[in-house]
Amino acid sequence: MTKQEAVRRGFPNPSTLAKVRDNDVQNTPTVRTLLRIDRALGWQPGSAAVILLGGFPLTVTARTSKGVRAREMAAVPVTGQEVVNRLLDHLGDEIACTRKDLTALGDRLDRLCTVHSRLVDEFRVDTKLLREFDDG
């Protein structure tokens, strides 16, 4: 899509898009901005927000077969509650994955601590014990 086509479709200003993409520069983009991105790209409302969380957009124009086309034409647009549910479900999945990663890191840290303790016991010389057994 050209810049002119993006402007014609109501896409946000390129500087706004850069701020959305580099979200460490700005807090979460406004709902209005995200909905403008959805509309300009032909996505179902809420898709841009889902992408920010690592998900995938749902297009309102995708066609895979004649049967799907007929069902889509009769489909009801996504409601605000459905958008909220998608966002909350995706965020919940991300939290669960992060907890799993943290558990795995905790287990790895425990194993490393055990190896460290064993190596300390093995390689650190107890000079008092050596003096007791020293024949000299």
C-alpha atoms as a PDB file:
ATOM      1  CA  MET A   1       0.000   0.000   0.000  1.00  0.00           C
ATOM      2  CA  THR A   2       1.376   3.398  -0.938  1.00  0.00           C
ATOM      3  CA  LYS A   3       1.462   6.303   1.496  1.00  0.00           C
ATOM      4  CA  GLN A   4      -1.190   8.059  -0.550  1.00  0.00           C
ATOM      5  CA  GLU A   5      -3.473   5.003  -0.399  1.00  0.00           C
ATOM      6  CA  ALA A   6      -2.895   4.726   3.351  1.00  0.00           C
ATOM      7  CA  VAL A   7      -3.863   8.387   3.821  1.00  0.00           C
ATOM      8  CA  ARG A   8      -6.943   7.917   1.626  1.00  0.00           C
ATOM      9  CA  ARG A   9      -8.025   4.966   3.771  1.00  0.00           C
ATOM     10  CA  GLY A  10      -7.646   7.009   6.956  1.00  0.00           C
ATOM     11  CA  PHE A  11      -4.432   5.378   8.168  1.00  0.00           C
ATOM     12  CA  PRO A  12      -2.784   7.236  11.074  1.00  0.00           C
ATOM     13  CA  ASN A  13       0.069   9.649  10.423  1.00  0.00           C
ATOM     14  CA  PRO A  14       3.371   7.776   9.798  1.00  0.00           C
ATOM     15  CA  SER A  15       4.871   9.354  12.944  1.00  0.00           C
ATOM     16  CA  THR A  16       1.938   7.957  14.954  1.00  0.00           C
ATOM     17  CA  LEU A  17       2.503   4.540  13.417  1.00  0.00           C
ATOM     18  CA  ALA A  18       6.204   4.706  14.345  1.00  0.00           C
ATOM     19  CA  LYS A  19       5.237   5.506  17.947  1.00  0.00           C
ATOM     20  CA  VAL A  20       2.858   2.528  17.975  1.00  0.00           C
ATOM     21  CA  ARG A  21       5.515   0.242  16.528  1.00  0.00           C
ATOM     22  CA  ASP A  22       8.177   1.466  18.986  1.00  0.00           C
ATOM     23  CA  ASN A  23       5.829   1.344  21.961  1.00  0.00           C
ATOM     24  CA  ASP A  24       8.642   2.067  24.409  1.00  0.00           C
ATOM     25  CA  VAL A  25       8.471   5.681  23.167  1.00  0.00           C
ATOM     26  CA  GLN A  26       4.772   6.057  23.946  1.00  0.00           C
ATOM     27  CA  ASN A  27       2.350   4.349  26.264  1.00  0.00           C
ATOM     28  CA  THR A  28      -0.317   2.124  24.790  1.00  0.00           C
ATOM     29  CA  PRO A  29      -1.791   3.695  21.646  1.00  0.00           C
ATOM     30  CA  THR A  30      -5.276   5.103  21.908  1.00  0.00           C
ATOM     31  CA  VAL A  31      -8.269   2.986  20.985  1.00  0.00           C
ATOM     32  CA  ARG A  32      -9.023   5.491  18.227  1.00  0.00           C
ATOM     33  CA  THR A  33      -5.575   4.991  16.675  1.00  0.00           C
ATOM     34  CA  LEU A  34      -5.835   1.214  16.862  1.00  0.00           C
ATOM     35  CA  LEU A  35      -9.302   1.231  15.303  1.00  0.00           C
ATOM     36  CA  ARG A  36      -8.079   3.507  12.492  1.00  0.00           C
ATOM     37  CA  ILE A  37      -5.323   0.993  11.745  1.00  0.00           C
ATOM     38  CA  ASP A  38      -7.886  -1.848  11.763  1.00  0.00           C
ATOM     39  CA  ARG A  39     -10.220   0.022   9.403  1.00  0.00           C
ATOM     40  CA  ALA A  40      -7.451   1.125   7.020  1.00  0.00           C
ATOM     41  CA  LEU A  41      -6.051  -2.396   6.716  1.00  0.00           C
ATOM     42  CA  GLY A  42      -9.421  -4.145   6.483  1.00  0.00           C
ATOM     43  CA  TRP A  43      -9.032  -5.936   9.794  1.00  0.00           C
ATOM     44  CA  GLN A  44     -11.752  -6.728  12.265  1.00  0.00           C
ATOM     45  CA  PRO A  45     -11.885  -4.184  15.111  1.00  0.00           C
ATOM     46  CA  GLY A  46      -9.423  -5.090  17.844  1.00  0.00           C
ATOM     47  CA  SER A  47      -6.901  -6.801  15.546  1.00  0.00           C
ATOM     48  CA  ALA A  48      -4.255  -4.055  15.862  1.00  0.00           C
ATOM     49  CA  ALA A  49      -4.483  -4.313  19.658  1.00  0.00           C
ATOM     50  CA  VAL A  50      -4.121  -8.090  19.471  1.00  0.00           C
ATOM     51  CA  ILE A  51      -1.019  -7.675  17.274  1.00  0.00           C
ATOM     52  CA  LEU A  52       0.582  -5.440  19.914  1.00  0.00           C
ATOM     53  CA  LEU A  53       0.221  -8.382  22.300  1.00  0.00           C
ATOM     54  CA  GLY A  54       1.841 -10.755  19.794  1.00  0.00           C
ATOM     55  CA  GLY A  55      -1.306 -12.165  18.192  1.00  0.00           C
ATOM     56  CA  PHE A  56      -2.593 -12.178  14.624  1.00  0.00           C
ATOM     57  CA  PRO A  57      -5.191  -9.966  12.925  1.00  0.00           C
ATOM     58  CA  LEU A  58      -8.551 -11.153  11.688  1.00  0.00           C
ATOM     59  CA  THR A  59      -9.341  -9.743   8.276  1.00  0.00           C
ATOM     60  CA  VAL A  60     -12.850  -8.784   7.290  1.00  0.00           C
ATOM     61  CA  THR A  61     -12.148  -9.471   3.595  1.00  0.00           C
ATOM     62  CA  ALA A  62     -10.373 -12.847   3.634  1.00  0.00           C
ATOM     63  CA  ARG A  63     -11.968 -15.454   1.401  1.00  0.00           C
ATOM     64  CA  THR A  64     -10.905 -19.075   1.257  1.00  0.00           C
ATOM     65  CA  SER A  65     -13.860 -20.748  -0.493  1.00  0.00           C
ATOM     66  CA  LYS A  66     -17.339 -20.060  -1.816  1.00  0.00           C
ATOM     67  CA  GLY A  67     -18.900 -21.538   1.349  1.00  0.00           C
ATOM     68  CA  VAL A  68     -16.813 -19.267   3.541  1.00  0.00           C
ATOM     69  CA  ARG A  69     -17.778 -16.258   1.417  1.00  0.00           C
ATOM     70  CA  ALA A  70     -21.488 -16.944   1.982  1.00  0.00           C
ATOM     71  CA  ARG A  71     -21.003 -17.359   5.735  1.00  0.00           C
ATOM     72  CA  GLU A  72     -18.922 -14.177   5.950  1.00  0.00           C
ATOM     73  CA  MET A  73     -21.524 -12.163   4.107  1.00  0.00           C
ATOM     74  CA  ALA A  74     -24.074 -13.242   6.725  1.00  0.00           C
ATOM     75  CA  ALA A  75     -21.659 -12.797   9.621  1.00  0.00           C
ATOM     76  CA  VAL A  76     -22.241 -10.272  12.354  1.00  0.00           C
ATOM     77  CA  PRO A  77     -19.374  -7.817  13.016  1.00  0.00           C
ATOM     78  CA  VAL A  78     -17.223  -8.462  16.052  1.00  0.00           C
ATOM     79  CA  THR A  79     -18.675  -6.868  19.162  1.00  0.00           C
ATOM     80  CA  GLY A  80     -16.751  -4.803  21.659  1.00  0.00           C
ATOM     81  CA  GLN A  81     -17.096  -7.604  24.195  1.00  0.00           C
ATOM     82  CA  GLU A  82     -15.598 -10.094  21.713  1.00  0.00           C
ATOM     83  CA  VAL A  83     -12.636  -7.764  21.204  1.00  0.00           C
ATOM     84  CA  VAL A  84     -12.187  -7.486  24.975  1.00  0.00           C
ATOM     85  CA  ASN A  85     -12.437 -11.271  25.340  1.00  0.00           C
ATOM     86  CA  ARG A  86      -9.802 -11.816  22.628  1.00  0.00           C
ATOM     87  CA  LEU A  87      -7.444  -9.333  24.279  1.00  0.00           C
ATOM     88  CA  LEU A  88      -7.953 -10.809  27.750  1.00  0.00           C
ATOM     89  CA  ASP A  89      -7.550 -14.383  26.490  1.00  0.00           C
ATOM     90  CA  HIS A  90      -4.356 -13.499  24.650  1.00  0.00           C
ATOM     91  CA  LEU A  91      -2.960 -11.621  27.635  1.00  0.00           C
ATOM     92  CA  GLY A  92      -3.843 -14.568  29.890  1.00  0.00           C
ATOM     93  CA  ASP A  93      -1.984 -16.908  27.521  1.00  0.00           C
ATOM     94  CA  GLU A  94       1.045 -14.613  27.586  1.00  0.00           C
ATOM     95  CA  ILE A  95       0.998 -14.590  31.403  1.00  0.00           C
ATOM     96  CA  ALA A  96       0.789 -18.395  31.491  1.00  0.00           C
ATOM     97  CA  CYS A  97       3.721 -18.705  29.070  1.00  0.00           C
ATOM     98  CA  THR A  98       5.771 -16.253  31.102  1.00  0.00           C
ATOM     99  CA  ARG A  99       5.029 -18.154  34.318  1.00  0.00           C
ATOM    100  CA  LYS A 100       6.139 -21.365  32.599  1.00  0.00           C
ATOM    101  CA  ASP A 101       9.347 -19.645  31.442  1.00  0.00           C
ATOM    102  CA  LEU A 102       9.981 -18.346  34.974  1.00  0.00           C
ATOM    103  CA  THR A 103       9.469 -21.830  36.429  1.00  0.00           C
ATOM    104  CA  ALA A 104      11.935 -23.260  33.920  1.00  0.00           C
ATOM    105  CA  LEU A 105      14.451 -20.533  34.779  1.00  0.00           C
ATOM    106  CA  GLY A 106      13.966 -21.210  38.503  1.00  0.00           C
ATOM    107  CA  ASP A 107      14.626 -24.923  37.939  1.00  0.00           C
ATOM    108  CA  ARG A 108      17.742 -24.122  35.914  1.00  0.00           C
ATOM    109  CA  LEU A 109      18.961 -21.731  38.608  1.00  0.00           C
ATOM    110  CA  ASP A 110      18.466 -24.445  41.263  1.00  0.00           C
ATOM    111  CA  ARG A 111      20.503 -26.930  39.187  1.00  0.00           C
ATOM    112  CA  LEU A 112      23.289 -24.367  38.680  1.00  0.00           C
ATOM    113  CA  CYS A 113      23.365 -23.604  42.412  1.00  0.00           C
ATOM    114  CA  THR A 114      23.689 -27.318  43.175  1.00  0.00           C
ATOM    115  CA  VAL A 115      26.577 -27.700  40.718  1.00  0.00           C
ATOM    116  CA  HIS A 116      28.226 -24.572  42.137  1.00  0.00           C
ATOM    117  CA  SER A 117      27.990 -25.896  45.704  1.00  0.00           C
ATOM    118  CA  ARG A 118      29.477 -29.228  44.685  1.00  0.00           C
ATOM    119  CA  LEU A 119      32.328 -27.563  42.850  1.00  0.00           C
ATOM    120  CA  VAL A 120      33.019 -25.268  45.803  1.00  0.00           C
ATOM    121  CA  ASP A 121      33.169 -28.298  48.102  1.00  0.00           C
ATOM    122  CA  GLU A 122      35.431 -30.106  45.641  1.00  0.00           C
ATOM    123  CA  PHE A 123      37.867 -27.348  44.717  1.00  0.00           C
ATOM    124  CA  ARG A 124      38.175 -25.190  47.832  1.00  0.00           C
ATOM    125  CA  VAL A 125      40.906 -26.546  50.041  1.00  0.00           C
ATOM    126  CA  ASP A 126      40.305 -26.607  53.806  1.00  0.00           C
ATOM    127  CA  THR A 127      43.751 -25.543  55.088  1.00  0.00           C
ATOM    128  CA  LYS A 128      42.949 -26.590  58.687  1.00  0.00           C
ATOM    129  CA  LEU A 129      42.127 -30.094  57.511  1.00  0.00           C
ATOM    130  CA  LEU A 130      45.331 -30.200  55.455  1.00  0.00           C
ATOM    131  CA  ARG A 131      47.413 -29.189  58.511  1.00  0.00           C
ATOM    132  CA  GLU A 132      45.887 -32.015  60.557  1.00  0.00           C
ATOM    133  CA  PHE A 133      46.934 -34.574  57.999  1.00  0.00           C
ATOM    134  CA  ASP A 134      50.247 -32.991  57.092  1.00  0.00           C
ATOM    135  CA  ASP A 135      53.153 -35.195  58.098  1.00  0.00           C
ATOM    136  CA  GLY A 136      55.658 -32.385  57.835  1.00  0.00           C
END
